[in-house]
């Protein structure tokens, strides 16, 4: 990501402003919605990244998107500024950087748990408490099912991956046996 430094600068400015105005939680939710929107619309992602589309057109489209009631002026102004400065291609990166700054400040660790089959509430609670003890942070977890794992779990915490899946164990056994 060649623009990640710029995205972090914009995210830091948004974070500081939201913190000063005691709006961190609201802006965090709004930024999450922007990420989801961009993820769900390939056309929007292409439009924001296109140097061919005029900034005024991007501005008009983004204005329609964020004109919903409850969207803070802080976020509206940041998105407007980024488009004016020709940085619409890093809006999603800026939002992701903001979420990371928010999580660090709030001592939250996002965790993704991938399992071979659906995990029950009791097992989820046990996993979350173990991961919380391991990281020393509050856990914000998401769960996915991947039947190709055969059994076991994969726990992703940022850049760290704990792979306890049967597929991984079979792969390791194969390496040891040099097959």
N, C-alpha and C. Protein backbone atom coordinates (compact mmCIF):
# COMPACT_ATOMS: atom_id res chain seq x y z
N UNK A 1 0.83 -1.18 0.00
CA UNK A 1 0.00 0.00 0.00
C UNK A 1 0.88 1.24 0.00
N UNK A 2 1.09 1.81 -1.16
CA UNK A 2 2.01 2.94 -1.26
C UNK A 2 1.47 4.20 -0.61
N UNK A 3 0.16 4.30 -0.45
CA UNK A 3 -0.43 5.50 0.13
C UNK A 3 -0.77 5.34 1.60
N UNK A 4 -0.30 4.29 2.24
CA UNK A 4 -0.71 4.03 3.61
C UNK A 4 -0.24 5.12 4.59
N UNK A 5 0.88 5.77 4.31
CA UNK A 5 1.34 6.84 5.19
C UNK A 5 0.38 8.03 5.12
N UNK A 6 -0.06 8.35 3.92
CA UNK A 6 -1.02 9.45 3.76
C UNK A 6 -2.34 9.09 4.42
N UNK A 7 -2.78 7.84 4.24
CA UNK A 7 -4.04 7.39 4.85
C UNK A 7 -3.94 7.49 6.37
N UNK A 8 -2.80 7.13 6.93
CA UNK A 8 -2.60 7.21 8.38
C UNK A 8 -2.63 8.67 8.85
N UNK A 9 -2.07 9.58 8.06
CA UNK A 9 -2.10 11.00 8.43
C UNK A 9 -3.53 11.52 8.48
N UNK A 10 -4.31 11.20 7.46
CA UNK A 10 -5.71 11.62 7.46
C UNK A 10 -6.48 10.97 8.61
N UNK A 11 -6.22 9.70 8.85
CA UNK A 11 -6.90 8.99 9.94
C UNK A 11 -6.54 9.60 11.29
N UNK A 12 -5.28 9.97 11.46
CA UNK A 12 -4.83 10.58 12.71
C UNK A 12 -5.52 11.93 12.93
N UNK A 13 -5.65 12.70 11.86
CA UNK A 13 -6.34 13.99 11.96
C UNK A 13 -7.81 13.78 12.32
N UNK A 14 -8.45 12.81 11.69
CA UNK A 14 -9.85 12.52 11.99
C UNK A 14 -10.00 12.04 13.43
N UNK A 15 -9.09 11.18 13.86
CA UNK A 15 -9.12 10.65 15.23
C UNK A 15 -8.97 11.78 16.25
N UNK A 16 -8.01 12.66 16.02
CA UNK A 16 -7.77 13.77 16.94
C UNK A 16 -8.98 14.69 17.03
N UNK A 17 -9.57 15.00 15.89
CA UNK A 17 -10.74 15.87 15.87
C UNK A 17 -11.92 15.21 16.59
N UNK A 18 -12.15 13.95 16.29
CA UNK A 18 -13.26 13.22 16.92
C UNK A 18 -13.05 13.12 18.43
N UNK A 19 -11.81 12.93 18.84
CA UNK A 19 -11.50 12.84 20.27
C UNK A 19 -11.76 14.18 20.96
N UNK A 20 -11.34 15.27 20.33
CA UNK A 20 -11.56 16.60 20.91
C UNK A 20 -13.05 16.91 21.06
N UNK A 21 -13.85 16.41 20.13
CA UNK A 21 -15.29 16.68 20.14
C UNK A 21 -16.09 15.57 20.84
N UNK A 22 -15.38 14.66 21.52
CA UNK A 22 -16.00 13.54 22.22
C UNK A 22 -16.95 12.74 21.33
N UNK A 23 -16.52 12.49 20.10
CA UNK A 23 -17.34 11.77 19.13
C UNK A 23 -16.66 10.52 18.61
N UNK A 24 -15.67 10.01 19.33
CA UNK A 24 -14.91 8.86 18.84
C UNK A 24 -15.79 7.67 18.51
N UNK A 25 -16.67 7.30 19.42
CA UNK A 25 -17.51 6.12 19.23
C UNK A 25 -18.42 6.29 18.01
N UNK A 26 -19.03 7.45 17.86
CA UNK A 26 -19.92 7.70 16.71
C UNK A 26 -19.14 7.65 15.40
N UNK A 27 -17.99 8.32 15.37
CA UNK A 27 -17.19 8.33 14.15
C UNK A 27 -16.69 6.92 13.84
N UNK A 28 -16.35 6.15 14.86
CA UNK A 28 -15.91 4.75 14.65
C UNK A 28 -17.00 3.95 13.95
N UNK A 29 -18.23 4.10 14.37
CA UNK A 29 -19.35 3.39 13.74
C UNK A 29 -19.53 3.85 12.30
N UNK A 30 -19.45 5.15 12.07
CA UNK A 30 -19.63 5.70 10.72
C UNK A 30 -18.52 5.23 9.78
N UNK A 31 -17.30 5.22 10.28
CA UNK A 31 -16.16 4.78 9.48
C UNK A 31 -16.32 3.29 9.13
N UNK A 32 -16.79 2.51 10.08
CA UNK A 32 -17.06 1.09 9.81
C UNK A 32 -18.11 0.92 8.72
N UNK A 33 -19.10 1.79 8.72
CA UNK A 33 -20.14 1.74 7.68
C UNK A 33 -19.56 2.10 6.32
N UNK A 34 -18.63 3.07 6.29
CA UNK A 34 -18.00 3.44 5.02
C UNK A 34 -17.18 2.27 4.48
N UNK A 35 -16.45 1.60 5.34
CA UNK A 35 -15.67 0.42 4.93
C UNK A 35 -16.60 -0.64 4.35
N UNK A 36 -17.69 -0.92 5.06
CA UNK A 36 -18.65 -1.93 4.59
C UNK A 36 -19.25 -1.54 3.25
N UNK A 37 -19.56 -0.28 3.09
CA UNK A 37 -20.15 0.20 1.84
C UNK A 37 -19.17 0.03 0.68
N UNK A 38 -17.93 0.42 0.89
CA UNK A 38 -16.93 0.28 -0.18
C UNK A 38 -16.68 -1.19 -0.48
N UNK A 39 -16.62 -2.02 0.56
CA UNK A 39 -16.43 -3.46 0.36
C UNK A 39 -17.58 -4.09 -0.42
N UNK A 40 -18.78 -3.59 -0.20
CA UNK A 40 -19.96 -4.19 -0.83
C UNK A 40 -20.22 -3.66 -2.24
N UNK A 41 -19.54 -2.60 -2.63
CA UNK A 41 -19.78 -2.00 -3.94
C UNK A 41 -18.47 -1.85 -4.71
N UNK A 42 -18.22 -2.79 -5.58
CA UNK A 42 -17.01 -2.73 -6.41
C UNK A 42 -17.01 -1.47 -7.28
N UNK A 43 -18.21 -1.06 -7.73
CA UNK A 43 -18.32 0.13 -8.55
C UNK A 43 -17.87 1.37 -7.79
N UNK A 44 -18.27 1.48 -6.53
CA UNK A 44 -17.86 2.63 -5.72
C UNK A 44 -16.36 2.62 -5.51
N UNK A 45 -15.81 1.45 -5.24
CA UNK A 45 -14.36 1.35 -5.03
C UNK A 45 -13.61 1.76 -6.30
N UNK A 46 -14.09 1.32 -7.45
CA UNK A 46 -13.45 1.69 -8.72
C UNK A 46 -13.60 3.19 -8.98
N UNK A 47 -14.76 3.73 -8.70
CA UNK A 47 -15.01 5.16 -8.90
C UNK A 47 -14.06 6.00 -8.05
N UNK A 48 -13.94 5.64 -6.77
CA UNK A 48 -13.08 6.42 -5.87
C UNK A 48 -11.62 6.34 -6.29
N UNK A 49 -11.23 5.23 -6.88
CA UNK A 49 -9.83 5.05 -7.29
C UNK A 49 -9.53 5.55 -8.69
N UNK A 50 -10.54 5.94 -9.44
CA UNK A 50 -10.34 6.32 -10.83
C UNK A 50 -9.83 7.75 -10.98
N UNK A 51 -8.72 7.92 -11.69
CA UNK A 51 -8.24 9.29 -11.95
C UNK A 51 -9.04 9.96 -13.08
N UNK A 52 -9.84 9.19 -13.79
CA UNK A 52 -10.61 9.72 -14.91
C UNK A 52 -11.86 10.47 -14.43
N UNK A 53 -12.47 9.98 -13.36
CA UNK A 53 -13.68 10.61 -12.83
C UNK A 53 -13.29 11.91 -12.13
N UNK A 54 -13.97 12.99 -12.47
CA UNK A 54 -13.66 14.30 -11.89
C UNK A 54 -13.96 14.30 -10.39
N UNK A 55 -13.17 15.08 -9.66
CA UNK A 55 -13.37 15.19 -8.22
C UNK A 55 -14.75 15.73 -7.88
N UNK A 56 -15.27 16.62 -8.71
CA UNK A 56 -16.61 17.18 -8.45
C UNK A 56 -17.67 16.08 -8.54
N UNK A 57 -17.50 15.14 -9.46
CA UNK A 57 -18.44 14.03 -9.57
C UNK A 57 -18.32 13.09 -8.37
N UNK A 58 -17.08 12.83 -7.95
CA UNK A 58 -16.85 12.00 -6.76
C UNK A 58 -17.46 12.68 -5.54
N UNK A 59 -17.27 14.00 -5.47
CA UNK A 59 -17.82 14.77 -4.36
C UNK A 59 -19.34 14.65 -4.29
N UNK A 60 -19.99 14.76 -5.45
CA UNK A 60 -21.46 14.68 -5.50
C UNK A 60 -21.94 13.30 -5.07
N UNK A 61 -21.27 12.27 -5.52
CA UNK A 61 -21.66 10.90 -5.16
C UNK A 61 -21.44 10.67 -3.67
N UNK A 62 -20.29 11.09 -3.16
CA UNK A 62 -20.00 10.89 -1.74
C UNK A 62 -20.96 11.71 -0.88
N UNK A 63 -21.33 12.88 -1.35
CA UNK A 63 -22.28 13.71 -0.61
C UNK A 63 -23.63 13.01 -0.46
N UNK A 64 -24.06 12.35 -1.53
CA UNK A 64 -25.31 11.59 -1.46
C UNK A 64 -25.20 10.43 -0.48
N UNK A 65 -24.05 9.80 -0.45
CA UNK A 65 -23.85 8.65 0.43
C UNK A 65 -23.87 9.07 1.90
N UNK A 66 -23.18 10.16 2.22
CA UNK A 66 -23.06 10.56 3.63
C UNK A 66 -24.12 11.57 4.07
N UNK A 67 -25.09 11.84 3.22
CA UNK A 67 -26.13 12.80 3.59
C UNK A 67 -27.20 12.20 4.49
N UNK A 68 -27.07 10.94 4.81
CA UNK A 68 -28.04 10.30 5.71
C UNK A 68 -28.01 10.97 7.07
N UNK A 69 -29.17 11.03 7.73
CA UNK A 69 -29.19 11.64 9.06
C UNK A 69 -28.29 10.85 10.02
N UNK A 70 -27.62 11.56 10.87
CA UNK A 70 -26.77 10.91 11.86
C UNK A 70 -25.31 10.81 11.48
N UNK A 71 -24.97 11.12 10.23
CA UNK A 71 -23.57 11.09 9.82
C UNK A 71 -22.94 12.40 10.28
N UNK A 72 -21.84 12.29 11.01
CA UNK A 72 -21.22 13.47 11.61
C UNK A 72 -20.60 14.39 10.57
N UNK A 73 -20.59 15.66 10.91
CA UNK A 73 -19.94 16.66 10.06
C UNK A 73 -18.44 16.39 9.97
N UNK A 74 -17.89 15.83 11.04
CA UNK A 74 -16.45 15.52 11.07
C UNK A 74 -16.10 14.60 9.91
N UNK A 75 -16.84 13.51 9.79
CA UNK A 75 -16.55 12.54 8.73
C UNK A 75 -16.89 13.13 7.36
N UNK A 76 -18.00 13.83 7.24
CA UNK A 76 -18.36 14.45 5.96
C UNK A 76 -17.24 15.37 5.49
N UNK A 77 -16.74 16.20 6.40
CA UNK A 77 -15.68 17.15 6.04
C UNK A 77 -14.38 16.44 5.66
N UNK A 78 -14.06 15.36 6.37
CA UNK A 78 -12.83 14.63 6.05
C UNK A 78 -12.93 14.00 4.66
N UNK A 79 -14.05 13.38 4.35
CA UNK A 79 -14.22 12.76 3.04
C UNK A 79 -14.19 13.82 1.93
N UNK A 80 -14.81 14.96 2.20
CA UNK A 80 -14.81 16.07 1.23
C UNK A 80 -13.37 16.55 1.00
N UNK A 81 -12.62 16.74 2.07
CA UNK A 81 -11.24 17.19 1.97
C UNK A 81 -10.38 16.19 1.18
N UNK A 82 -10.56 14.91 1.48
CA UNK A 82 -9.76 13.89 0.78
C UNK A 82 -10.06 13.89 -0.72
N UNK A 83 -11.31 14.07 -1.08
CA UNK A 83 -11.66 14.11 -2.51
C UNK A 83 -11.09 15.36 -3.16
N UNK A 84 -11.20 16.51 -2.46
CA UNK A 84 -10.66 17.77 -3.00
C UNK A 84 -9.15 17.67 -3.23
N UNK A 85 -8.46 16.97 -2.35
CA UNK A 85 -7.00 16.83 -2.44
C UNK A 85 -6.58 15.69 -3.36
N UNK A 86 -7.54 15.06 -4.02
CA UNK A 86 -7.21 13.97 -4.93
C UNK A 86 -6.82 12.68 -4.22
N UNK A 87 -7.33 12.49 -3.02
CA UNK A 87 -6.98 11.30 -2.22
C UNK A 87 -8.17 10.35 -2.04
N UNK A 88 -9.14 10.42 -2.94
CA UNK A 88 -10.30 9.54 -2.80
C UNK A 88 -9.92 8.07 -2.91
N UNK A 89 -8.78 7.79 -3.57
CA UNK A 89 -8.33 6.41 -3.73
C UNK A 89 -7.87 5.78 -2.41
N UNK A 90 -7.67 6.57 -1.36
CA UNK A 90 -7.23 6.00 -0.08
C UNK A 90 -8.26 6.18 1.03
N UNK A 91 -9.51 6.47 0.65
CA UNK A 91 -10.55 6.64 1.67
C UNK A 91 -10.72 5.35 2.49
N UNK A 92 -10.76 4.21 1.82
CA UNK A 92 -10.93 2.95 2.55
C UNK A 92 -9.73 2.69 3.47
N UNK A 93 -8.53 2.97 2.99
CA UNK A 93 -7.33 2.81 3.82
C UNK A 93 -7.37 3.75 5.02
N UNK A 94 -7.81 4.98 4.80
CA UNK A 94 -7.92 5.95 5.89
C UNK A 94 -8.89 5.43 6.95
N UNK A 95 -10.02 4.90 6.49
CA UNK A 95 -11.02 4.37 7.42
C UNK A 95 -10.45 3.20 8.22
N UNK A 96 -9.74 2.31 7.54
CA UNK A 96 -9.12 1.17 8.23
C UNK A 96 -8.07 1.65 9.24
N UNK A 97 -7.31 2.67 8.89
CA UNK A 97 -6.32 3.23 9.81
C UNK A 97 -6.99 3.87 11.01
N UNK A 98 -8.13 4.54 10.79
CA UNK A 98 -8.88 5.13 11.89
C UNK A 98 -9.34 4.04 12.86
N UNK A 99 -9.88 2.96 12.33
CA UNK A 99 -10.33 1.84 13.17
C UNK A 99 -9.17 1.29 13.99
N UNK A 100 -8.01 1.17 13.37
CA UNK A 100 -6.83 0.68 14.07
C UNK A 100 -6.42 1.64 15.20
N UNK A 101 -6.43 2.93 14.92
CA UNK A 101 -6.12 3.93 15.96
C UNK A 101 -7.13 3.86 17.10
N UNK A 102 -8.40 3.72 16.75
CA UNK A 102 -9.46 3.62 17.75
C UNK A 102 -9.26 2.37 18.62
N UNK A 103 -8.98 1.25 17.97
CA UNK A 103 -8.78 0.00 18.71
C UNK A 103 -7.58 0.09 19.65
N UNK A 104 -6.49 0.69 19.18
CA UNK A 104 -5.31 0.86 20.04
C UNK A 104 -5.63 1.73 21.24
N UNK A 105 -6.32 2.84 21.01
CA UNK A 105 -6.66 3.77 22.09
C UNK A 105 -7.65 3.15 23.07
N UNK A 106 -8.51 2.28 22.58
CA UNK A 106 -9.54 1.66 23.42
C UNK A 106 -9.13 0.29 23.96
N UNK A 107 -7.90 -0.12 23.67
CA UNK A 107 -7.38 -1.41 24.13
C UNK A 107 -8.26 -2.57 23.63
N UNK A 108 -8.59 -2.52 22.34
CA UNK A 108 -9.42 -3.55 21.72
C UNK A 108 -8.57 -4.33 20.71
N UNK A 109 -8.71 -5.65 20.73
CA UNK A 109 -8.01 -6.51 19.78
C UNK A 109 -9.04 -7.18 18.88
N UNK A 110 -9.06 -6.82 17.59
CA UNK A 110 -9.95 -7.54 16.67
C UNK A 110 -9.43 -8.95 16.44
N UNK A 111 -10.32 -9.91 16.48
CA UNK A 111 -9.95 -11.32 16.32
C UNK A 111 -10.92 -11.98 15.35
N UNK A 112 -10.37 -12.75 14.42
CA UNK A 112 -11.19 -13.55 13.53
C UNK A 112 -10.93 -15.01 13.84
N UNK A 113 -11.99 -15.75 14.09
CA UNK A 113 -11.88 -17.18 14.38
C UNK A 113 -12.52 -17.93 13.22
N UNK A 114 -11.73 -18.82 12.62
CA UNK A 114 -12.21 -19.64 11.51
C UNK A 114 -12.25 -21.08 11.99
N UNK A 115 -13.39 -21.72 11.80
CA UNK A 115 -13.55 -23.10 12.26
C UNK A 115 -14.16 -23.95 11.15
N UNK A 116 -14.06 -25.26 11.32
CA UNK A 116 -14.60 -26.19 10.33
C UNK A 116 -16.12 -26.24 10.37
N UNK A 117 -16.68 -25.98 11.54
CA UNK A 117 -18.14 -25.95 11.66
C UNK A 117 -18.53 -24.85 12.63
N UNK A 118 -19.81 -24.55 12.69
CA UNK A 118 -20.32 -23.47 13.55
C UNK A 118 -19.94 -23.72 15.01
N UNK A 119 -19.51 -22.67 15.68
CA UNK A 119 -19.10 -22.75 17.08
C UNK A 119 -20.25 -22.25 17.96
N UNK A 120 -20.56 -23.00 19.01
CA UNK A 120 -21.63 -22.61 19.93
C UNK A 120 -21.23 -21.46 20.83
N UNK A 121 -22.22 -20.89 21.51
CA UNK A 121 -22.00 -19.71 22.36
C UNK A 121 -21.02 -20.01 23.49
N UNK A 122 -21.12 -21.18 24.08
CA UNK A 122 -20.23 -21.53 25.19
C UNK A 122 -18.78 -21.63 24.72
N UNK A 123 -18.57 -22.25 23.54
CA UNK A 123 -17.22 -22.35 23.00
C UNK A 123 -16.68 -20.97 22.61
N UNK A 124 -17.55 -20.14 22.04
CA UNK A 124 -17.12 -18.78 21.68
C UNK A 124 -16.65 -18.01 22.90
N UNK A 125 -17.40 -18.14 23.96
CA UNK A 125 -17.05 -17.45 25.21
C UNK A 125 -15.69 -17.93 25.73
N UNK A 126 -15.47 -19.24 25.66
CA UNK A 126 -14.19 -19.80 26.12
C UNK A 126 -13.03 -19.31 25.25
N UNK A 127 -13.23 -19.30 23.95
CA UNK A 127 -12.19 -18.82 23.03
C UNK A 127 -11.88 -17.36 23.31
N UNK A 128 -12.92 -16.55 23.45
CA UNK A 128 -12.74 -15.11 23.67
C UNK A 128 -12.02 -14.84 24.99
N UNK A 129 -12.35 -15.59 26.03
CA UNK A 129 -11.69 -15.36 27.32
C UNK A 129 -10.22 -15.77 27.25
N UNK A 130 -9.90 -16.85 26.53
CA UNK A 130 -8.50 -17.28 26.40
C UNK A 130 -7.70 -16.26 25.58
N UNK A 131 -8.30 -15.78 24.49
CA UNK A 131 -7.61 -14.80 23.66
C UNK A 131 -7.45 -13.48 24.42
N UNK A 132 -8.45 -13.10 25.19
CA UNK A 132 -8.35 -11.87 25.99
C UNK A 132 -7.23 -12.00 27.02
N UNK A 133 -7.12 -13.17 27.64
CA UNK A 133 -6.05 -13.39 28.61
C UNK A 133 -4.68 -13.37 27.91
N UNK A 134 -4.62 -13.92 26.71
CA UNK A 134 -3.38 -13.98 25.94
C UNK A 134 -2.92 -12.59 25.51
N UNK A 135 -3.87 -11.76 25.06
CA UNK A 135 -3.51 -10.43 24.55
C UNK A 135 -3.53 -9.34 25.62
N UNK A 136 -4.30 -9.56 26.68
CA UNK A 136 -4.46 -8.54 27.70
C UNK A 136 -5.35 -7.39 27.24
N UNK A 137 -6.16 -7.64 26.22
CA UNK A 137 -7.04 -6.60 25.67
C UNK A 137 -8.47 -7.12 25.61
N UNK A 138 -9.39 -6.19 25.43
CA UNK A 138 -10.77 -6.58 25.14
C UNK A 138 -10.81 -7.14 23.73
N UNK A 139 -11.71 -8.07 23.50
CA UNK A 139 -11.76 -8.77 22.22
C UNK A 139 -12.99 -8.33 21.43
N UNK A 140 -12.79 -8.04 20.16
CA UNK A 140 -13.87 -7.79 19.21
C UNK A 140 -13.77 -8.91 18.19
N UNK A 141 -14.62 -9.92 18.33
CA UNK A 141 -14.46 -11.13 17.53
C UNK A 141 -15.46 -11.25 16.40
N UNK A 142 -15.00 -11.92 15.36
CA UNK A 142 -15.88 -12.31 14.25
C UNK A 142 -15.56 -13.78 13.96
N UNK A 143 -16.58 -14.49 13.48
CA UNK A 143 -16.44 -15.93 13.26
C UNK A 143 -16.80 -16.27 11.82
N UNK A 144 -16.03 -17.20 11.26
CA UNK A 144 -16.31 -17.72 9.92
C UNK A 144 -16.21 -19.23 9.94
N UNK A 145 -16.93 -19.86 9.03
CA UNK A 145 -16.87 -21.31 8.90
C UNK A 145 -16.18 -21.65 7.59
N UNK A 146 -15.20 -22.55 7.67
CA UNK A 146 -14.49 -23.05 6.48
C UNK A 146 -14.38 -24.56 6.61
N UNK A 147 -15.27 -25.30 5.95
CA UNK A 147 -15.28 -26.76 6.09
C UNK A 147 -14.00 -27.45 5.63
N UNK A 148 -13.17 -26.77 4.83
CA UNK A 148 -11.93 -27.38 4.35
C UNK A 148 -10.90 -27.56 5.47
N UNK A 149 -11.14 -26.97 6.62
CA UNK A 149 -10.20 -27.12 7.75
C UNK A 149 -10.28 -28.51 8.37
N UNK A 150 -11.32 -29.24 8.11
CA UNK A 150 -11.62 -30.57 8.64
C UNK A 150 -11.99 -30.51 10.11
N UNK A 151 -11.19 -29.85 10.92
CA UNK A 151 -11.44 -29.68 12.34
C UNK A 151 -10.49 -28.65 12.90
N UNK A 152 -10.67 -28.29 14.16
CA UNK A 152 -9.80 -27.31 14.80
C UNK A 152 -10.18 -25.89 14.47
N UNK A 153 -9.26 -24.97 14.77
CA UNK A 153 -9.51 -23.53 14.62
C UNK A 153 -8.30 -22.81 14.05
N UNK A 154 -8.57 -21.69 13.43
CA UNK A 154 -7.53 -20.71 13.10
C UNK A 154 -7.97 -19.41 13.77
N UNK A 155 -7.07 -18.82 14.55
CA UNK A 155 -7.35 -17.56 15.23
C UNK A 155 -6.41 -16.51 14.67
N UNK A 156 -7.00 -15.46 14.08
CA UNK A 156 -6.21 -14.36 13.50
C UNK A 156 -6.35 -13.14 14.38
N UNK A 157 -5.21 -12.61 14.83
CA UNK A 157 -5.18 -11.40 15.66
C UNK A 157 -4.19 -10.44 15.01
N UNK A 158 -4.69 -9.55 14.18
CA UNK A 158 -3.81 -8.64 13.46
C UNK A 158 -2.90 -9.43 12.54
N UNK A 159 -1.60 -9.29 12.72
CA UNK A 159 -0.63 -10.00 11.88
C UNK A 159 -0.31 -11.40 12.40
N UNK A 160 -0.79 -11.71 13.58
CA UNK A 160 -0.50 -13.00 14.21
C UNK A 160 -1.61 -14.01 13.90
N UNK A 161 -1.20 -15.22 13.51
CA UNK A 161 -2.14 -16.29 13.20
C UNK A 161 -1.77 -17.52 14.01
N UNK A 162 -2.76 -18.04 14.75
CA UNK A 162 -2.58 -19.28 15.49
C UNK A 162 -3.39 -20.35 14.76
N UNK A 163 -2.71 -21.28 14.12
CA UNK A 163 -3.37 -22.27 13.28
C UNK A 163 -3.38 -23.62 13.97
N UNK A 164 -4.54 -23.99 14.52
CA UNK A 164 -4.71 -25.28 15.17
C UNK A 164 -5.65 -26.17 14.38
N UNK A 165 -5.70 -25.96 13.07
CA UNK A 165 -6.60 -26.75 12.23
C UNK A 165 -6.01 -28.12 11.93
N UNK A 166 -6.87 -29.07 11.64
CA UNK A 166 -6.43 -30.42 11.29
C UNK A 166 -5.66 -30.37 9.97
N UNK A 167 -6.09 -29.54 9.04
CA UNK A 167 -5.39 -29.41 7.76
C UNK A 167 -3.94 -28.99 8.00
N UNK A 168 -3.72 -28.03 8.88
CA UNK A 168 -2.36 -27.58 9.19
C UNK A 168 -1.55 -28.67 9.87
N UNK A 169 -2.17 -29.39 10.78
CA UNK A 169 -1.47 -30.48 11.46
C UNK A 169 -1.06 -31.57 10.48
N UNK A 170 -1.93 -31.88 9.52
CA UNK A 170 -1.59 -32.86 8.49
C UNK A 170 -0.46 -32.35 7.60
N UNK A 171 -0.49 -31.05 7.28
CA UNK A 171 0.57 -30.44 6.48
C UNK A 171 1.91 -30.52 7.21
N UNK A 172 1.91 -30.24 8.51
CA UNK A 172 3.13 -30.31 9.32
C UNK A 172 3.65 -31.75 9.40
N UNK A 173 2.74 -32.70 9.56
CA UNK A 173 3.12 -34.11 9.62
C UNK A 173 3.74 -34.54 8.30
N UNK A 174 3.18 -34.07 7.21
CA UNK A 174 3.70 -34.39 5.88
C UNK A 174 5.12 -33.86 5.72
N UNK A 175 5.38 -32.64 6.23
CA UNK A 175 6.73 -32.06 6.18
C UNK A 175 7.72 -32.92 6.97
N UNK A 176 7.28 -33.34 8.17
CA UNK A 176 8.17 -34.14 9.01
C UNK A 176 8.51 -35.47 8.36
N UNK A 177 7.55 -36.05 7.65
CA UNK A 177 7.76 -37.34 7.02
C UNK A 177 8.40 -37.21 5.65
N UNK A 178 8.59 -35.97 5.22
CA UNK A 178 9.21 -35.67 3.92
C UNK A 178 8.47 -36.34 2.77
N UNK A 179 7.18 -36.30 2.83
CA UNK A 179 6.38 -36.92 1.77
C UNK A 179 6.03 -35.92 0.73
